[in-house]
Protein backbone atom coordinates (compact mmCIF):
# COMPACT_ATOMS: atom_id res chain seq x y z
CA MET A 1 -19.78 -30.93 -18.80
CA THR A 2 -20.29 -28.93 -15.67
CA GLU A 3 -23.11 -26.46 -15.21
CA ALA A 4 -20.69 -23.52 -15.28
CA ALA A 5 -19.21 -24.66 -18.61
CA ILE A 6 -22.66 -24.95 -20.15
CA VAL A 7 -23.58 -21.46 -18.93
CA LEU A 8 -20.28 -20.10 -20.26
CA ILE A 9 -20.91 -21.51 -23.74
CA LEU A 10 -24.58 -20.53 -23.88
CA VAL A 11 -23.99 -16.94 -22.76
CA MET A 12 -21.08 -16.54 -25.18
CA VAL A 13 -23.11 -17.84 -28.13
CA ALA A 14 -26.10 -15.68 -27.14
CA THR A 15 -24.01 -12.52 -26.87
CA LEU A 16 -22.37 -13.17 -30.23
CA ALA A 17 -25.77 -13.85 -31.80
CA ILE A 18 -27.16 -10.48 -30.71
CA GLY A 19 -24.09 -8.62 -31.94
CA VAL A 20 -22.21 -7.85 -28.73
CA PRO A 21 -18.45 -7.33 -29.30
CA ILE A 22 -16.30 -10.38 -28.54
CA GLY A 23 -14.48 -8.80 -25.59
CA TRP A 24 -17.72 -7.85 -23.86
CA GLY A 25 -19.21 -11.25 -24.66
CA LEU A 26 -16.26 -13.01 -23.05
CA THR A 27 -16.54 -10.78 -20.01
CA LEU A 28 -20.27 -11.36 -19.60
CA ALA A 29 -19.95 -15.11 -20.17
CA SER A 30 -17.12 -15.39 -17.64
CA PHE A 31 -19.05 -13.35 -15.08
CA ALA A 32 -22.13 -15.55 -15.56
CA ALA A 33 -20.08 -18.74 -15.16
CA ILE A 34 -18.43 -17.40 -12.00
CA MET A 35 -21.85 -16.55 -10.56
CA VAL A 36 -23.14 -20.06 -11.33
CA GLU A 37 -20.00 -21.64 -9.84
CA ASP A 38 -20.52 -19.57 -6.65
CA MET A 39 -16.80 -18.87 -6.33
CA PRO A 40 -15.70 -16.38 -3.66
CA ILE A 41 -14.23 -13.16 -5.05
CA ALA A 42 -11.03 -13.62 -3.02
CA VAL A 43 -10.33 -16.94 -4.74
CA LEU A 44 -11.00 -15.38 -8.14
CA VAL A 45 -8.54 -12.54 -7.51
CA GLN A 46 -5.92 -14.98 -6.21
CA ARG A 47 -6.24 -17.20 -9.29
CA MET A 48 -6.01 -14.20 -11.62
CA PHE A 49 -2.85 -12.97 -9.89
CA THR A 50 -1.12 -16.35 -9.88
CA SER A 51 -1.92 -16.93 -13.56
CA MET A 52 -0.44 -13.54 -14.48
CA ASP A 53 2.64 -14.11 -12.32
CA ALA A 54 4.36 -16.26 -14.93
CA PHE A 55 7.68 -15.69 -16.68
CA THR A 56 6.19 -16.50 -20.09
CA MET A 57 3.65 -13.66 -19.71
CA LEU A 58 6.58 -11.25 -19.70
CA ALA A 59 6.81 -11.56 -23.50
CA VAL A 60 3.31 -10.17 -24.14
CA PRO A 61 4.10 -6.47 -23.42
CA ALA A 62 7.33 -6.78 -25.38
CA PHE A 63 5.44 -8.05 -28.44
CA LEU A 64 2.92 -5.21 -28.11
CA VAL A 65 5.70 -2.61 -27.97
CA ALA A 66 7.47 -4.23 -30.92
CA GLY A 67 4.24 -4.14 -32.95
CA ASP A 68 3.71 -0.50 -32.09
CA ILE A 69 7.26 0.36 -33.16
CA MET A 70 6.86 -1.56 -36.43
CA ALA A 71 3.52 0.11 -37.14
CA GLY A 72 5.09 3.51 -36.68
CA GLY A 73 8.04 2.63 -38.90
């Protein structure tokens, strides 16, 4: 395992152990792994944009809207 992966796992387990919500724990663990990896911010933003620029990701908002409509009905 790489050093960044070990940091990611350790920070995630530590945040869950002290009672931090899962979303914040994932954010903190990802930020710590990125800092250990020493990745430039421009590369990070580019990877985030290209991963979200997928046709299959188009279904996610539709499912959220459908769930909201069903919850209201």
